[in-house]
Amino acid sequence: MSAREPRRGQERTRRRLSTEERREQLLCVGARLFAQSTYDDVWIEQVAEIAGVSRGLLYHYFPTKRDFFAAVVRRESERMLRLTAAVPGVPVREQLAVGLDTFLGYVADHAEGFRAFHRAEAAGDPVVREVYRQGLAAQERQIAAALAADPGSAHLDGDAPALRLAVRGWLAFMVAVCLEWLDEPELSRDQVRDLCARALLGAITP
């Protein structure tokens, strides 16, 4: 091969990422790093180096480390909200197994983002912790509203303190189970799904 001949792989022109694609790339790198290390141990320089961008470009998207981690947490929160959304008019009990299957599929496929989201509570930054807590509160409200709207759960009041507490406790249980499952997958996805389903039904059944 002559010196002028391009090497394999150099013949392709690198495609310029759009603003949204670059932002998503940076958030994916952040999720991976924050899943592996504490908030204080992750450096913006690491993110820029792994993503192959300048530190200045990263700061163009996220002015501070706080803004960056908050965006990682918010992104995962929005994903989980979409996955825990109930279908109106269909009894929650009929949706529960399918919904949990979908959610556990997300946990398995986006383990780094899931871990990063739940590391936010331990972050020393109050703004990041508030973003995390808002995400959990939105999940609680969404699940409680779906349960209260279920025709088969006429006894449930979506604004009742008992239901809110039951849903909050179940979410904490499910998060603990999922994190343990990711670290030590001794149970199958079906077994984890059934365990979480029984816990929710037990929590709301009078």
Protein backbone atom coordinates (compact mmCIF):
# COMPACT_ATOMS: atom_id res chain seq x y z
CA MET A 1 0.00 0.00 0.00
CA SER A 2 1.45 3.41 -0.92
CA ALA A 3 1.82 6.18 1.61
CA ARG A 4 -0.87 8.14 -0.19
CA GLU A 5 -3.49 5.41 0.04
CA PRO A 6 -5.93 5.99 2.90
CA ARG A 7 -6.05 3.41 5.66
CA ARG A 8 -9.19 1.37 6.15
CA GLY A 9 -11.63 3.41 8.19
CA GLN A 10 -10.11 6.75 7.18
CA GLU A 11 -12.01 6.74 3.90
CA ARG A 12 -15.19 7.58 5.71
CA THR A 13 -15.83 11.20 6.54
CA ARG A 14 -16.72 11.65 10.17
CA ARG A 15 -20.32 12.85 10.37
CA ARG A 16 -20.89 16.01 12.35
CA LEU A 17 -23.30 15.38 15.21
CA SER A 18 -26.36 17.55 15.56
CA THR A 19 -26.88 19.54 18.75
CA GLU A 20 -29.30 16.94 20.13
CA GLU A 21 -27.07 14.02 19.15
CA ARG A 22 -24.04 15.63 20.82
CA ARG A 23 -26.03 16.38 23.94
CA GLU A 24 -27.28 12.79 24.09
CA GLN A 25 -23.72 11.50 23.61
CA LEU A 26 -22.47 13.60 26.53
CA LEU A 27 -25.35 12.49 28.77
CA CYS A 28 -24.63 8.82 27.95
CA VAL A 29 -20.98 9.30 28.93
CA GLY A 30 -22.07 11.06 32.11
CA ALA A 31 -24.49 8.29 33.02
CA ARG A 32 -21.71 5.74 32.68
CA LEU A 33 -19.26 7.70 34.82
CA PHE A 34 -21.76 8.66 37.51
CA ALA A 35 -22.93 5.03 37.70
CA GLN A 36 -19.36 3.92 38.43
CA SER A 37 -18.18 6.73 40.69
CA THR A 38 -19.56 9.20 43.20
CA TYR A 39 -20.50 12.71 42.18
CA ASP A 40 -17.32 14.17 43.70
CA ASP A 41 -15.09 11.65 41.91
CA VAL A 42 -16.30 12.46 38.40
CA TRP A 43 -14.45 15.24 36.59
CA ILE A 44 -15.77 17.21 33.64
CA GLU A 45 -12.41 16.67 31.94
CA GLN A 46 -13.09 12.92 31.97
CA VAL A 47 -16.39 13.38 30.23
CA ALA A 48 -14.89 15.62 27.54
CA GLU A 49 -11.99 13.23 26.95
CA ILE A 50 -14.19 10.14 26.61
CA ALA A 51 -16.63 11.97 24.35
CA GLY A 52 -13.77 13.29 22.21
CA VAL A 53 -14.76 16.94 22.61
CA SER A 54 -13.11 19.98 24.12
CA ARG A 55 -13.93 21.01 27.64
CA GLY A 56 -15.17 24.31 26.22
CA LEU A 57 -17.71 22.52 24.04
CA LEU A 58 -19.00 20.52 26.99
CA TYR A 59 -19.40 23.73 29.00
CA HIS A 60 -21.31 25.18 26.05
CA TYR A 61 -23.97 22.50 26.61
CA PHE A 62 -23.72 22.34 30.41
CA PRO A 63 -22.28 25.43 32.13
CA THR A 64 -21.39 23.61 35.37
CA LYS A 65 -20.87 20.10 36.67
CA ARG A 66 -24.07 20.56 38.69
CA ASP A 67 -25.99 21.34 35.49
CA PHE A 68 -24.49 18.30 33.80
CA PHE A 69 -25.35 15.79 36.52
CA ALA A 70 -28.80 17.33 36.97
CA ALA A 71 -29.39 16.81 33.23
CA VAL A 72 -28.29 13.16 33.51
CA VAL A 73 -30.70 12.63 36.41
CA ARG A 74 -33.56 14.47 34.69
CA ARG A 75 -33.09 12.43 31.51
CA GLU A 76 -33.40 9.15 33.38
CA SER A 77 -36.35 10.44 35.37
CA GLU A 78 -38.23 11.29 32.17
CA ARG A 79 -37.49 7.86 30.74
CA MET A 80 -38.83 6.13 33.84
CA LEU A 81 -41.94 8.28 33.84
CA ARG A 82 -42.71 7.21 30.29
CA LEU A 83 -42.21 3.57 31.19
CA THR A 84 -44.41 3.68 34.29
CA ALA A 85 -47.29 5.46 32.53
CA ALA A 86 -50.53 3.48 32.68
CA VAL A 87 -52.96 3.05 29.80
CA PRO A 88 -56.20 4.92 30.65
CA GLY A 89 -59.26 2.74 31.08
CA VAL A 90 -57.37 -0.55 31.48
CA PRO A 91 -57.28 -2.05 35.00
CA VAL A 92 -53.86 -1.56 36.57
CA ARG A 93 -53.70 -5.21 37.59
CA GLU A 94 -53.95 -6.19 33.92
CA GLN A 95 -51.16 -3.79 33.01
CA LEU A 96 -48.88 -4.55 35.93
CA ALA A 97 -46.99 -7.56 34.56
CA VAL A 98 -46.44 -6.00 31.13
CA GLY A 99 -45.49 -2.66 32.66
CA LEU A 100 -42.98 -4.23 35.01
CA ASP A 101 -41.54 -6.32 32.18
CA THR A 102 -40.99 -3.13 30.19
CA PHE A 103 -39.47 -1.37 33.18
CA LEU A 104 -37.12 -4.25 33.99
CA GLY A 105 -36.08 -4.34 30.35
CA TYR A 106 -35.15 -0.67 30.67
CA VAL A 107 -33.21 -1.36 33.89
CA ALA A 108 -31.26 -4.15 32.21
CA ASP A 109 -30.60 -2.21 28.99
CA HIS A 110 -29.82 1.12 30.67
CA ALA A 111 -28.19 -0.09 33.88
CA GLU A 112 -25.70 2.78 33.93
CA GLY A 113 -28.40 5.43 33.67
CA PHE A 114 -30.54 3.69 36.30
CA ARG A 115 -27.61 3.51 38.71
CA ALA A 116 -26.63 7.11 38.00
CA PHE A 117 -30.16 8.32 38.68
CA HIS A 118 -30.28 6.65 42.07
CA ARG A 119 -26.80 7.85 42.99
CA ALA A 120 -28.14 11.39 42.89
CA GLU A 121 -29.62 11.11 46.39
CA ALA A 122 -26.09 10.69 47.74
CA ALA A 123 -24.72 13.67 45.80
CA GLY A 124 -23.64 16.51 48.02
CA ASP A 125 -25.21 19.11 45.76
CA PRO A 126 -28.69 20.17 46.99
CA VAL A 127 -29.83 21.15 43.48
CA VAL A 128 -29.03 17.67 42.12
CA ARG A 129 -30.78 16.02 45.06
CA GLU A 130 -33.84 18.18 44.45
CA VAL A 131 -33.99 17.12 40.78
CA TYR A 132 -33.82 13.49 41.92
CA ARG A 133 -36.55 13.93 44.52
CA GLN A 134 -38.79 15.71 42.04
CA GLY A 135 -38.37 12.76 39.67
CA LEU A 136 -39.35 10.27 42.36
CA ALA A 137 -42.31 12.42 43.42
CA ALA A 138 -43.54 12.54 39.82
CA GLN A 139 -43.36 8.74 39.65
CA GLU A 140 -45.29 8.44 42.91
CA ARG A 141 -48.04 10.76 41.68
CA GLN A 142 -48.31 8.97 38.35
CA ILE A 143 -48.60 5.52 39.92
CA ALA A 144 -51.03 6.68 42.64
CA ALA A 145 -53.24 8.39 40.04
CA ALA A 146 -53.30 5.26 37.88
CA LEU A 147 -54.27 3.10 40.85
CA ALA A 148 -57.00 5.48 41.94
CA ALA A 149 -58.42 5.65 38.38
CA ASP A 150 -58.60 1.87 38.10
CA PRO A 151 -62.30 0.79 38.03
CA GLY A 152 -61.38 -2.21 40.15
CA SER A 153 -59.80 -0.06 42.84
CA ALA A 154 -62.75 2.14 43.78
CA HIS A 155 -61.66 2.00 47.43
CA LEU A 156 -58.42 3.86 46.63
CA ASP A 157 -58.10 7.61 46.93
CA GLY A 158 -55.24 9.04 44.88
CA ASP A 159 -54.75 11.87 47.38
CA ALA A 160 -54.95 9.70 50.49
CA PRO A 161 -51.79 9.73 52.63
CA ALA A 162 -51.99 5.94 53.02
CA LEU A 163 -51.86 5.34 49.27
CA ARG A 164 -49.06 7.86 48.74
CA LEU A 165 -47.04 6.21 51.49
CA ALA A 166 -47.73 2.73 50.10
CA VAL A 167 -46.58 3.77 46.61
CA ARG A 168 -43.50 5.53 48.00
CA GLY A 169 -42.56 2.46 50.00
CA TRP A 170 -43.11 0.20 47.01
CA LEU A 171 -40.92 2.38 44.78
CA ALA A 172 -38.14 2.24 47.37
CA PHE A 173 -38.55 -1.54 47.52
CA MET A 174 -38.48 -1.89 43.73
CA VAL A 175 -35.38 0.31 43.39
CA ALA A 176 -33.54 -1.73 46.02
CA VAL A 177 -34.54 -4.97 44.31
CA CYS A 178 -33.49 -3.72 40.87
CA LEU A 179 -30.11 -2.44 42.06
CA GLU A 180 -29.44 -5.74 43.81
CA TRP A 181 -30.58 -7.66 40.72
CA LEU A 182 -28.16 -5.71 38.53
CA ASP A 183 -25.26 -6.47 40.87
CA GLU A 184 -26.19 -10.10 41.56
CA PRO A 185 -28.67 -11.42 38.96
CA GLU A 186 -29.57 -14.60 40.83
CA LEU A 187 -33.25 -14.23 39.95
CA SER A 188 -34.66 -14.21 36.43
CA ARG A 189 -36.47 -11.15 35.11
CA ASP A 190 -39.78 -13.01 35.48
CA GLN A 191 -39.04 -13.74 39.13
CA VAL A 192 -38.14 -10.11 39.84
CA ARG A 193 -41.27 -8.96 38.01
CA ASP A 194 -43.52 -11.27 40.03
CA LEU A 195 -41.83 -10.23 43.27
CA CYS A 196 -42.41 -6.54 42.57
CA ALA A 197 -45.99 -7.14 41.41
CA ARG A 198 -46.86 -9.04 44.58
CA ALA A 199 -45.33 -6.29 46.70
CA LEU A 200 -47.42 -3.58 45.05
CA LEU A 201 -50.66 -5.54 45.19
CA GLY A 202 -49.98 -6.42 48.82
CA ALA A 203 -49.34 -2.79 49.66
CA ILE A 204 -52.66 -1.53 48.21
CA THR A 205 -54.95 -4.44 49.08
CA PRO A 206 -57.02 -3.69 52.18
